[in-house]
N, C-alpha and C. Protein backbone atom coordinates (compact mmCIF):
# COMPACT_ATOMS: atom_id res chain seq x y z
N GLN A 1 181.52 175.37 -6.36
CA GLN A 1 182.23 173.92 -6.57
C GLN A 1 181.38 172.97 -6.40
N THR A 2 181.19 171.91 -7.29
CA THR A 2 180.05 170.99 -7.40
C THR A 2 180.87 169.75 -8.00
N ASP A 3 180.01 168.72 -7.58
CA ASP A 3 180.04 167.22 -8.19
C ASP A 3 178.78 166.86 -9.33
N THR A 4 178.44 167.71 -9.21
CA THR A 4 177.12 167.58 -10.04
C THR A 4 176.72 168.26 -11.49
N HIS A 5 175.73 167.87 -12.12
CA HIS A 5 175.43 168.60 -13.30
C HIS A 5 174.24 169.34 -12.77
N TRP A 6 173.72 170.69 -13.67
CA TRP A 6 172.55 171.37 -12.91
C TRP A 6 171.10 170.66 -12.61
N ASN A 7 170.99 169.23 -13.32
CA ASN A 7 170.17 168.35 -12.83
C ASN A 7 170.22 167.30 -11.77
N ASN A 8 171.44 167.65 -10.82
CA ASN A 8 171.85 166.72 -9.75
C ASN A 8 172.28 165.44 -10.09
N GLN A 9 172.44 165.15 -11.38
CA GLN A 9 173.28 163.86 -12.01
C GLN A 9 174.63 164.22 -11.42
N ALA A 10 175.49 162.95 -11.00
CA ALA A 10 176.87 163.13 -10.68
C ALA A 10 177.59 163.23 -11.98
N ILE A 11 178.66 164.28 -11.95
CA ILE A 11 179.80 164.19 -13.04
C ILE A 11 180.46 163.02 -13.15
N LYS A 12 180.18 162.37 -14.40
CA LYS A 12 181.20 160.95 -14.48
C LYS A 12 182.70 161.31 -14.72
N PRO A 13 183.30 160.26 -14.24
CA PRO A 13 185.07 160.42 -14.49
C PRO A 13 185.28 161.17 -15.81
N ILE A 14 186.37 161.75 -15.81
CA ILE A 14 186.79 162.19 -16.96
C ILE A 14 188.40 161.85 -17.37
N HIS A 15 188.30 161.15 -18.50
CA HIS A 15 189.77 160.80 -18.95
C HIS A 15 190.05 161.35 -20.18
N ILE A 16 190.90 162.20 -20.21
CA ILE A 16 191.62 162.73 -21.21
C ILE A 16 192.73 162.68 -21.55
N GLN A 17 193.12 162.04 -23.07
CA GLN A 17 194.68 161.97 -23.27
C GLN A 17 195.25 163.10 -23.91
N HIS A 18 194.57 163.90 -24.76
CA HIS A 18 195.05 165.02 -25.57
C HIS A 18 194.09 166.14 -24.89
N PRO A 19 194.16 166.65 -24.07
CA PRO A 19 193.27 167.90 -23.70
C PRO A 19 193.21 169.14 -24.23
N GLN A 20 192.03 169.75 -24.43
CA GLN A 20 191.79 171.08 -25.28
C GLN A 20 190.66 171.93 -24.32
N ILE A 21 191.04 172.78 -24.26
CA ILE A 21 190.19 173.67 -23.41
C ILE A 21 189.88 174.81 -24.39
N THR A 22 188.56 175.08 -24.21
CA THR A 22 187.75 176.01 -25.45
C THR A 22 186.75 176.89 -24.55
N MET A 23 187.15 178.30 -24.67
CA MET A 23 186.01 178.98 -23.91
C MET A 23 185.60 180.28 -24.88
N LEU A 24 184.24 180.23 -24.73
CA LEU A 24 183.32 180.87 -25.49
C LEU A 24 182.58 181.88 -25.05
N ARG A 25 182.59 183.02 -25.78
CA ARG A 25 181.10 183.97 -25.10
C ARG A 25 180.26 183.99 -25.99
N ILE A 26 178.83 183.41 -25.55
CA ILE A 26 178.10 183.32 -26.63
C ILE A 26 176.67 184.39 -26.32
N THR A 27 176.09 184.80 -27.17
CA THR A 27 175.12 186.11 -27.09
C THR A 27 174.06 185.47 -27.79
N ILE A 28 172.78 185.50 -26.91
CA ILE A 28 171.59 184.59 -27.41
C ILE A 28 170.80 185.81 -27.55
N PRO A 29 170.10 186.44 -28.20
CA PRO A 29 169.15 187.65 -28.50
C PRO A 29 167.52 187.11 -27.89
N ALA A 30 167.40 188.41 -26.81
CA ALA A 30 165.99 188.29 -26.20
C ALA A 30 164.89 187.49 -27.16
N GLY A 31 164.23 186.66 -26.42
CA GLY A 31 163.33 185.84 -27.15
C GLY A 31 163.80 184.69 -27.92
N GLU A 32 165.04 184.63 -28.11
CA GLU A 32 165.47 183.37 -29.14
C GLU A 32 165.62 182.43 -28.69
N LYS A 33 165.35 181.16 -29.35
CA LYS A 33 165.51 179.70 -28.56
C LYS A 33 166.75 179.05 -29.07
N LEU A 34 167.74 178.45 -28.72
CA LEU A 34 168.63 177.49 -29.35
C LEU A 34 167.91 176.47 -29.87
N ALA A 35 168.45 175.72 -30.72
CA ALA A 35 168.58 174.70 -31.13
C ALA A 35 168.62 173.41 -30.41
N THR A 36 167.68 172.23 -30.35
CA THR A 36 168.10 171.25 -29.07
C THR A 36 169.43 170.64 -29.62
N HIS A 37 170.19 170.29 -28.46
CA HIS A 37 171.62 170.03 -28.67
C HIS A 37 171.99 168.94 -27.41
N LYS A 38 173.25 168.55 -27.58
CA LYS A 38 173.71 167.86 -26.42
C LYS A 38 175.10 168.07 -26.24
N HIS A 39 175.68 167.99 -25.25
CA HIS A 39 177.19 168.14 -25.32
C HIS A 39 177.63 166.76 -25.03
N PRO A 40 178.76 166.23 -25.65
CA PRO A 40 179.68 165.16 -25.46
C PRO A 40 180.80 165.41 -24.29
N ILE A 41 180.96 166.59 -24.32
CA ILE A 41 182.04 166.79 -22.96
C ILE A 41 181.48 167.52 -21.89
N VAL A 42 182.42 167.80 -20.67
CA VAL A 42 182.19 168.75 -19.53
C VAL A 42 182.31 169.96 -20.27
N ASN A 43 181.06 171.06 -19.59
CA ASN A 43 181.54 172.36 -19.94
C ASN A 43 180.75 173.20 -18.68
N VAL A 44 181.22 174.34 -18.26
CA VAL A 44 180.71 174.99 -17.38
C VAL A 44 180.41 176.38 -18.15
N GLY A 45 179.80 177.39 -17.36
CA GLY A 45 179.15 178.73 -17.85
C GLY A 45 179.19 179.40 -16.83
N TYR A 46 179.21 180.72 -17.04
CA TYR A 46 178.48 181.90 -16.19
C TYR A 46 177.80 182.89 -17.11
N LEU A 47 176.66 183.01 -16.67
CA LEU A 47 175.80 183.79 -17.08
C LEU A 47 176.16 185.45 -16.87
N THR A 48 176.44 186.71 -17.63
CA THR A 48 176.97 187.45 -17.62
C THR A 48 176.02 188.64 -17.54
N LYS A 49 174.92 188.28 -18.28
CA LYS A 49 173.63 189.28 -18.63
C LYS A 49 172.61 188.69 -18.83
N GLY A 50 171.55 189.20 -18.72
CA GLY A 50 170.33 188.59 -19.21
C GLY A 50 169.38 187.17 -18.19
N GLU A 51 168.81 186.81 -18.98
CA GLU A 51 168.17 185.55 -18.28
C GLU A 51 167.89 184.47 -19.33
N LEU A 52 168.63 183.27 -18.76
CA LEU A 52 168.35 181.96 -19.58
C LEU A 52 167.55 181.19 -19.06
N THR A 53 166.60 180.26 -19.96
CA THR A 53 166.03 179.26 -19.38
C THR A 53 166.41 178.16 -20.19
N VAL A 54 166.89 177.18 -19.45
CA VAL A 54 167.19 175.85 -20.12
C VAL A 54 166.48 174.58 -19.93
N ARG A 55 166.11 173.54 -20.77
CA ARG A 55 165.06 172.80 -20.62
C ARG A 55 165.80 171.46 -21.39
N SER A 56 165.72 170.53 -20.68
CA SER A 56 166.06 169.13 -20.84
C SER A 56 164.82 168.12 -21.38
N GLU A 57 165.10 167.36 -22.39
CA GLU A 57 163.98 166.33 -22.64
C GLU A 57 163.44 165.48 -21.47
N ASP A 58 163.96 165.11 -20.42
CA ASP A 58 163.54 164.65 -19.27
C ASP A 58 162.69 165.45 -18.40
N GLY A 59 162.27 166.95 -18.85
CA GLY A 59 161.40 167.62 -18.00
C GLY A 59 162.29 168.84 -17.26
N GLY A 60 163.44 168.62 -17.22
CA GLY A 60 164.04 169.53 -16.09
C GLY A 60 163.92 171.17 -16.75
N VAL A 61 164.14 171.80 -15.58
CA VAL A 61 163.89 173.35 -16.07
C VAL A 61 165.23 173.92 -15.17
N LEU A 62 165.78 174.78 -15.69
CA LEU A 62 166.87 176.09 -15.02
C LEU A 62 166.71 177.02 -15.35
N VAL A 63 166.36 177.85 -14.70
CA VAL A 63 166.47 179.55 -15.06
C VAL A 63 167.67 180.12 -14.29
N LEU A 64 168.24 180.78 -15.17
CA LEU A 64 169.36 181.34 -14.59
C LEU A 64 169.25 182.82 -15.13
N LYS A 65 169.77 183.46 -14.08
CA LYS A 65 170.09 185.48 -14.05
C LYS A 65 171.11 185.69 -14.45
N SER A 66 171.75 186.69 -14.13
CA SER A 66 172.71 187.20 -14.60
C SER A 66 173.57 187.18 -13.23
N GLY A 67 174.72 186.48 -13.29
CA GLY A 67 175.43 186.22 -12.33
C GLY A 67 175.64 184.80 -11.90
N ASP A 68 174.77 184.03 -12.41
CA ASP A 68 174.57 182.56 -12.07
C ASP A 68 175.27 181.74 -13.09
N PRO A 69 175.95 180.36 -12.22
CA PRO A 69 176.87 179.76 -13.25
C PRO A 69 175.92 178.42 -13.33
N ILE A 70 176.47 177.80 -14.16
CA ILE A 70 175.85 176.41 -14.72
C ILE A 70 176.88 175.31 -15.25
N VAL A 71 176.87 174.42 -14.63
CA VAL A 71 177.73 172.55 -14.99
C VAL A 71 176.44 172.20 -16.13
N GLU A 72 177.02 172.31 -17.40
CA GLU A 72 175.84 171.76 -18.19
C GLU A 72 175.42 170.13 -18.23
N LEU A 73 174.57 169.86 -19.00
CA LEU A 73 174.45 168.33 -19.14
C LEU A 73 175.25 167.70 -20.05
N VAL A 74 175.75 166.76 -19.93
CA VAL A 74 176.48 165.82 -21.01
C VAL A 74 175.69 164.75 -21.51
N ASP A 75 175.55 164.57 -22.85
CA ASP A 75 174.75 163.81 -23.83
C ASP A 75 173.25 163.38 -22.97
N ILE A 76 172.62 164.86 -22.88
CA ILE A 76 171.36 164.73 -22.73
C ILE A 76 170.79 165.88 -23.48
N TRP A 77 169.76 165.73 -24.45
CA TRP A 77 169.17 166.74 -25.29
C TRP A 77 168.62 167.86 -24.21
N HIS A 78 169.01 169.03 -24.86
CA HIS A 78 168.40 170.33 -24.08
C HIS A 78 168.33 171.44 -24.98
N TYR A 79 167.68 172.62 -24.30
CA TYR A 79 167.99 173.57 -25.29
C TYR A 79 167.91 174.93 -24.24
N GLY A 80 168.48 175.91 -24.39
CA GLY A 80 168.55 177.09 -23.82
C GLY A 80 167.69 178.33 -24.69
N GLU A 81 166.88 178.83 -23.94
CA GLU A 81 166.22 180.40 -24.60
C GLU A 81 166.25 181.57 -23.68
N SER A 82 166.60 182.63 -24.24
CA SER A 82 166.88 184.06 -23.77
C SER A 82 165.41 184.36 -23.29
N THR A 83 164.89 184.24 -22.01
CA THR A 83 163.57 184.67 -21.50
C THR A 83 163.41 185.93 -20.97
N GLY A 84 164.64 186.76 -20.81
CA GLY A 84 164.51 188.26 -20.21
C GLY A 84 164.20 189.39 -21.38
N THR A 85 164.20 190.58 -20.84
CA THR A 85 163.99 191.58 -21.46
C THR A 85 165.45 191.90 -22.37
N GLU A 86 166.48 191.36 -22.01
CA GLU A 86 167.91 191.88 -22.79
C GLU A 86 168.08 190.87 -23.39
N ASP A 87 169.30 190.67 -24.42
CA ASP A 87 170.00 189.66 -24.89
C ASP A 87 170.60 188.80 -23.40
N ALA A 88 170.74 187.34 -23.61
CA ALA A 88 171.71 186.63 -22.69
C ALA A 88 172.63 186.72 -23.23
N GLU A 89 174.10 186.51 -22.37
CA GLU A 89 175.51 186.45 -22.62
C GLU A 89 175.64 185.15 -21.45
N ILE A 90 176.60 184.31 -21.96
CA ILE A 90 177.32 183.43 -20.95
C ILE A 90 178.11 183.12 -21.84
N VAL A 91 179.49 182.98 -20.63
CA VAL A 91 180.86 182.66 -20.87
C VAL A 91 180.88 181.18 -20.65
N VAL A 92 181.19 180.39 -21.42
CA VAL A 92 181.37 178.66 -21.41
C VAL A 92 182.47 178.31 -21.69
N THR A 93 183.00 177.46 -20.41
CA THR A 93 184.37 176.34 -20.74
C THR A 93 184.23 175.25 -21.08
N TYR A 94 184.58 174.73 -22.19
CA TYR A 94 184.77 173.20 -22.34
C TYR A 94 185.93 172.68 -22.59
N ILE A 95 185.72 171.59 -21.61
CA ILE A 95 187.23 170.65 -21.26
C ILE A 95 186.97 169.09 -22.13
N GLY A 96 187.88 168.85 -23.31
CA GLY A 96 187.62 167.54 -23.49
C GLY A 96 188.94 167.40 -24.74
N GLU A 97 188.99 166.14 -25.48
CA GLU A 97 189.64 165.77 -26.06
C GLU A 97 189.88 166.64 -27.45
N LYS A 98 191.16 166.77 -27.96
CA LYS A 98 191.23 167.93 -29.30
C LYS A 98 190.18 167.54 -30.15
N GLU A 99 189.86 166.56 -30.53
CA GLU A 99 189.24 166.36 -31.73
C GLU A 99 187.47 166.27 -31.37
N ASP A 100 187.27 166.29 -30.02
CA ASP A 100 185.94 166.49 -29.36
C ASP A 100 185.07 167.58 -30.32
N SER A 101 183.44 167.30 -30.48
CA SER A 101 182.70 168.47 -30.83
C SER A 101 182.30 169.11 -29.37
N LEU A 102 181.90 170.38 -29.50
CA LEU A 102 181.57 170.82 -28.53
C LEU A 102 180.12 170.61 -28.08
N SER A 103 179.28 170.64 -29.29
CA SER A 103 178.00 170.05 -29.17
C SER A 103 177.45 169.56 -30.50
N ILE A 104 176.47 168.90 -30.25
CA ILE A 104 175.81 168.20 -31.30
C ILE A 104 174.12 168.58 -31.37
N ILE A 105 174.10 168.85 -32.55
CA ILE A 105 172.59 169.65 -32.83
C ILE A 105 171.75 168.35 -33.46
N LYS A 106 170.33 168.07 -32.67
CA LYS A 106 169.46 167.31 -32.70
C LYS A 106 168.77 167.51 -34.19
N GLU A 107 168.69 166.41 -34.94
CA GLU A 107 167.96 166.73 -36.53
C GLU A 107 166.73 166.40 -36.40
């Protein structure tokens, strides 16, 4: 239970007219780095296996090991990298408006 994102910033109030919840299981192969992206909506995750290092544009670093939770950053550019010896697998739940994107890739 928390009221902050992993970088200790407070979670902003959430006002949703037409809610949609999306749950994904994402596998990141060992050694692979995801594209830099940001989330326009709140999402929380749970690393089910592997190790995942998340880096934000402001220099923040979070290392997740199997079993660790994460409250993702909203509207802050960041990326994750599978830094363990096995694939990282994370289950993520997104909560937002029906038409909201889950992620925006930095070009």
